[in-house]
Protein backbone atom coordinates (compact mmCIF):
# COMPACT_ATOMS: atom_id res chain seq x y z
CA MET A 1 0.00 0.00 0.00
CA TRP A 2 2.84 2.42 0.82
CA GLY A 3 4.29 1.63 -2.58
CA LEU A 4 1.28 3.30 -4.19
CA LEU A 5 0.81 6.14 -1.70
CA ARG A 6 4.40 7.30 -1.33
CA PRO A 7 4.92 8.66 -4.88
CA THR A 8 1.47 10.24 -4.84
CA LEU A 9 2.05 11.96 -1.50
CA GLY A 10 5.50 13.07 -2.64
CA ALA A 11 4.07 14.60 -5.80
CA ALA A 12 1.34 16.32 -3.79
CA ALA A 13 3.93 17.77 -1.39
CA VAL A 14 6.04 19.09 -4.26
CA ALA A 15 2.99 20.58 -5.97
CA ALA A 16 1.83 22.25 -2.75
CA SER A 17 5.31 23.67 -2.17
CA VAL A 18 5.53 25.07 -5.70
CA VAL A 19 2.05 26.60 -5.51
CA GLY A 20 2.74 28.09 -2.08
CA LEU A 21 6.03 29.58 -3.25
CA ALA A 22 4.38 31.00 -6.37
CA ILE A 23 1.63 32.62 -4.28
CA LEU A 24 4.23 34.03 -1.90
CA LEU A 25 6.25 35.53 -4.76
CA LEU A 26 3.26 36.87 -6.69
CA ASN A 27 1.43 38.30 -3.68
CA PRO A 28 3.93 38.93 -0.87
CA PRO A 29 2.44 39.49 2.59
CA SER A 30 2.56 42.90 4.21
CA LEU A 31 4.78 43.27 7.24
CA SER A 32 2.20 45.16 9.28
CA GLY A 33 1.90 42.27 11.75
CA ALA A 34 5.64 41.60 12.02
CA GLU A 35 5.90 43.39 15.36
CA ASP A 36 3.21 41.18 16.90
CA LEU A 37 4.83 38.08 15.42
CA LEU A 38 8.22 38.99 16.89
CA THR A 39 6.59 39.59 20.27
CA LEU A 40 4.90 36.20 20.10
CA LEU A 41 8.15 34.46 19.10
CA ALA A 42 10.07 36.20 21.89
CA GLY A 43 7.44 35.11 24.40
CA ALA A 44 7.59 31.53 23.15
CA ALA A 45 11.40 31.56 23.33
CA ALA A 46 11.23 32.89 26.90
CA LEU A 47 8.98 29.99 27.90
CA VAL A 48 11.35 27.45 26.40
């Protein structure tokens, strides 16, 4: 069963990565929430 699923899942992962990268390059996100994200990451790092 894994012999059939593995290539299919691999192709789906590659396709999703390519589509996600294309969307990121064609419509880059704004950095308006970067300050909140850095605060969240700093808080998470402080807990660890």
